[in-house]
Amino acid sequence: MEKAVVGVALGFVDRINHHDPDGLVALMTEDHCFVDGLGQVVCGRERMAIGWVSYFGWFPDYCIKVDVSKGSVAGLFGTAQGTYLVNGELLPRNH
């Protein structure tokens, strides 16, 4: 079980880093809910796919790097980074 939990969590990281909304959706349950850092909740595969497409459009170089804490649940701790796209350009001041 431990390996499966960590594998699914790392699958999400991999699909995010490949900017693959379809791959992310394939990993989600029907009742999947995402809670962002501000506490906003988005539920459902279709809404999540739309959200990830938008997010990758806003931050075309978005990626996350994680360290994994293994156990009966997966704890992922790390960093996220991305540059906000302005009028179709990655401005140096936004890095």
C-alpha atoms as a PDB file:
ATOM      1  CA  MET A   1       0.000   0.000   0.000  1.00  0.00           C
ATOM      2  CA  GLU A   2       2.784   2.433   0.943  1.00  0.00           C
ATOM      3  CA  LYS A   3       4.420   2.146  -2.476  1.00  0.00           C
ATOM      4  CA  ALA A   4       1.089   2.689  -4.264  1.00  0.00           C
ATOM      5  CA  VAL A   5       0.290   5.844  -2.274  1.00  0.00           C
ATOM      6  CA  VAL A   6       3.685   7.369  -2.920  1.00  0.00           C
ATOM      7  CA  GLY A   7       3.532   6.294  -6.579  1.00  0.00           C
ATOM      8  CA  VAL A   8       0.221   8.073  -7.138  1.00  0.00           C
ATOM      9  CA  ALA A   9       1.484  11.227  -5.424  1.00  0.00           C
ATOM     10  CA  LEU A  10       4.645  11.214  -7.526  1.00  0.00           C
ATOM     11  CA  GLY A  11       2.509  10.571 -10.614  1.00  0.00           C
ATOM     12  CA  PHE A  12       0.758  13.888  -9.962  1.00  0.00           C
ATOM     13  CA  VAL A  13       4.130  15.626  -9.653  1.00  0.00           C
ATOM     14  CA  ASP A  14       5.306  14.077 -12.922  1.00  0.00           C
ATOM     15  CA  ARG A  15       2.155  15.080 -14.838  1.00  0.00           C
ATOM     16  CA  ILE A  16       2.310  18.622 -13.424  1.00  0.00           C
ATOM     17  CA  ASN A  17       5.943  18.962 -14.441  1.00  0.00           C
ATOM     18  CA  HIS A  18       5.059  17.726 -17.942  1.00  0.00           C
ATOM     19  CA  HIS A  19       2.106  20.172 -18.134  1.00  0.00           C
ATOM     20  CA  ASP A  20      -0.243  17.267 -18.871  1.00  0.00           C
ATOM     21  CA  PRO A  21      -3.823  18.096 -17.794  1.00  0.00           C
ATOM     22  CA  ASP A  22      -5.178  14.889 -19.366  1.00  0.00           C
ATOM     23  CA  GLY A  23      -2.625  12.834 -17.470  1.00  0.00           C
ATOM     24  CA  LEU A  24      -3.548  14.624 -14.241  1.00  0.00           C
ATOM     25  CA  VAL A  25      -7.244  13.973 -14.800  1.00  0.00           C
ATOM     26  CA  ALA A  26      -6.513  10.285 -15.412  1.00  0.00           C
ATOM     27  CA  LEU A  27      -5.029  10.084 -11.893  1.00  0.00           C
ATOM     28  CA  MET A  28      -8.036  11.746 -10.240  1.00  0.00           C
ATOM     29  CA  THR A  29     -11.037  10.054  -8.682  1.00  0.00           C
ATOM     30  CA  GLU A  30     -14.498  11.202  -9.767  1.00  0.00           C
ATOM     31  CA  ASP A  31     -14.896  13.143  -6.510  1.00  0.00           C
ATOM     32  CA  HIS A  32     -11.379  14.637  -6.579  1.00  0.00           C
ATOM     33  CA  CYS A  33     -11.068  17.985  -4.801  1.00  0.00           C
ATOM     34  CA  PHE A  34      -8.115  20.367  -4.969  1.00  0.00           C
ATOM     35  CA  VAL A  35      -7.475  22.934  -2.247  1.00  0.00           C
ATOM     36  CA  ASP A  36      -5.041  25.706  -3.146  1.00  0.00           C
ATOM     37  CA  GLY A  37      -2.779  27.662  -0.832  1.00  0.00           C
ATOM     38  CA  LEU A  38      -5.521  30.247  -0.253  1.00  0.00           C
ATOM     39  CA  GLY A  39      -8.057  27.610   0.759  1.00  0.00           C
ATOM     40  CA  GLN A  40     -10.080  27.769  -2.465  1.00  0.00           C
ATOM     41  CA  VAL A  41     -11.614  24.403  -3.364  1.00  0.00           C
ATOM     42  CA  VAL A  42     -12.165  23.043  -6.882  1.00  0.00           C
ATOM     43  CA  CYS A  43     -13.892  19.679  -7.242  1.00  0.00           C
ATOM     44  CA  GLY A  44     -14.437  17.394 -10.206  1.00  0.00           C
ATOM     45  CA  ARG A  45     -12.238  16.149 -13.030  1.00  0.00           C
ATOM     46  CA  GLU A  46     -13.642  18.472 -15.697  1.00  0.00           C
ATOM     47  CA  ARG A  47     -13.179  21.601 -13.583  1.00  0.00           C
ATOM     48  CA  MET A  48      -9.674  20.467 -12.654  1.00  0.00           C
ATOM     49  CA  ALA A  49      -8.717  19.922 -16.313  1.00  0.00           C
ATOM     50  CA  ILE A  50      -9.909  23.413 -17.187  1.00  0.00           C
ATOM     51  CA  GLY A  51      -8.053  24.821 -14.188  1.00  0.00           C
ATOM     52  CA  TRP A  52      -4.751  23.134 -15.059  1.00  0.00           C
ATOM     53  CA  VAL A  53      -4.935  24.248 -18.697  1.00  0.00           C
ATOM     54  CA  SER A  54      -5.409  27.818 -17.486  1.00  0.00           C
ATOM     55  CA  TYR A  55      -2.673  27.560 -14.876  1.00  0.00           C
ATOM     56  CA  PHE A  56      -0.127  26.195 -17.351  1.00  0.00           C
ATOM     57  CA  GLY A  57      -1.068  29.067 -19.674  1.00  0.00           C
ATOM     58  CA  TRP A  58      -0.396  31.626 -16.937  1.00  0.00           C
ATOM     59  CA  PHE A  59       2.840  29.953 -15.785  1.00  0.00           C
ATOM     60  CA  PRO A  60       4.346  28.194 -18.838  1.00  0.00           C
ATOM     61  CA  ASP A  61       7.524  27.206 -16.985  1.00  0.00           C
ATOM     62  CA  TYR A  62       5.739  25.995 -13.817  1.00  0.00           C
ATOM     63  CA  CYS A  63       7.331  23.044 -12.063  1.00  0.00           C
ATOM     64  CA  ILE A  64       7.512  21.514  -8.634  1.00  0.00           C
ATOM     65  CA  LYS A  65      10.349  19.724  -6.870  1.00  0.00           C
ATOM     66  CA  VAL A  66       9.610  17.475  -3.923  1.00  0.00           C
ATOM     67  CA  ASP A  67      11.144  15.372  -1.219  1.00  0.00           C
ATOM     68  CA  VAL A  68       8.995  12.405  -0.267  1.00  0.00           C
ATOM     69  CA  SER A  69       8.039  11.257   3.204  1.00  0.00           C
ATOM     70  CA  LYS A  70       6.867   7.653   2.964  1.00  0.00           C
ATOM     71  CA  GLY A  71       4.275   6.003   5.138  1.00  0.00           C
ATOM     72  CA  SER A  72       0.611   5.060   4.967  1.00  0.00           C
ATOM     73  CA  VAL A  73       0.080   8.517   3.464  1.00  0.00           C
ATOM     74  CA  ALA A  74       2.390  10.409   1.143  1.00  0.00           C
ATOM     75  CA  GLY A  75       3.788  13.678   2.406  1.00  0.00           C
ATOM     76  CA  LEU A  76       5.362  15.776  -0.308  1.00  0.00           C
ATOM     77  CA  PHE A  77       7.466  18.712   0.777  1.00  0.00           C
ATOM     78  CA  GLY A  78       9.343  20.917  -1.605  1.00  0.00           C
ATOM     79  CA  THR A  79       9.123  23.978  -3.779  1.00  0.00           C
ATOM     80  CA  ALA A  80       7.087  25.248  -6.690  1.00  0.00           C
ATOM     81  CA  GLN A  81       8.101  27.889  -9.171  1.00  0.00           C
ATOM     82  CA  GLY A  82       6.849  29.481 -12.321  1.00  0.00           C
ATOM     83  CA  THR A  83       6.984  32.736 -14.222  1.00  0.00           C
ATOM     84  CA  TYR A  84       3.768  34.643 -14.860  1.00  0.00           C
ATOM     85  CA  LEU A  85       3.151  35.141 -18.583  1.00  0.00           C
ATOM     86  CA  VAL A  86       2.318  38.753 -19.561  1.00  0.00           C
ATOM     87  CA  ASN A  87       0.892  39.395 -23.029  1.00  0.00           C
ATOM     88  CA  GLY A  88       2.417  36.173 -24.294  1.00  0.00           C
ATOM     89  CA  GLU A  89       5.894  36.944 -22.936  1.00  0.00           C
ATOM     90  CA  LEU A  90       7.991  35.688 -20.030  1.00  0.00           C
ATOM     91  CA  LEU A  91       9.336  38.958 -18.703  1.00  0.00           C
ATOM     92  CA  PRO A  92      12.724  38.800 -16.925  1.00  0.00           C
ATOM     93  CA  ARG A  93      11.374  40.881 -14.031  1.00  0.00           C
ATOM     94  CA  ASN A  94       8.779  38.175 -13.359  1.00  0.00           C
ATOM     95  CA  HIS A  95      11.394  35.472 -12.671  1.00  0.00           C
END
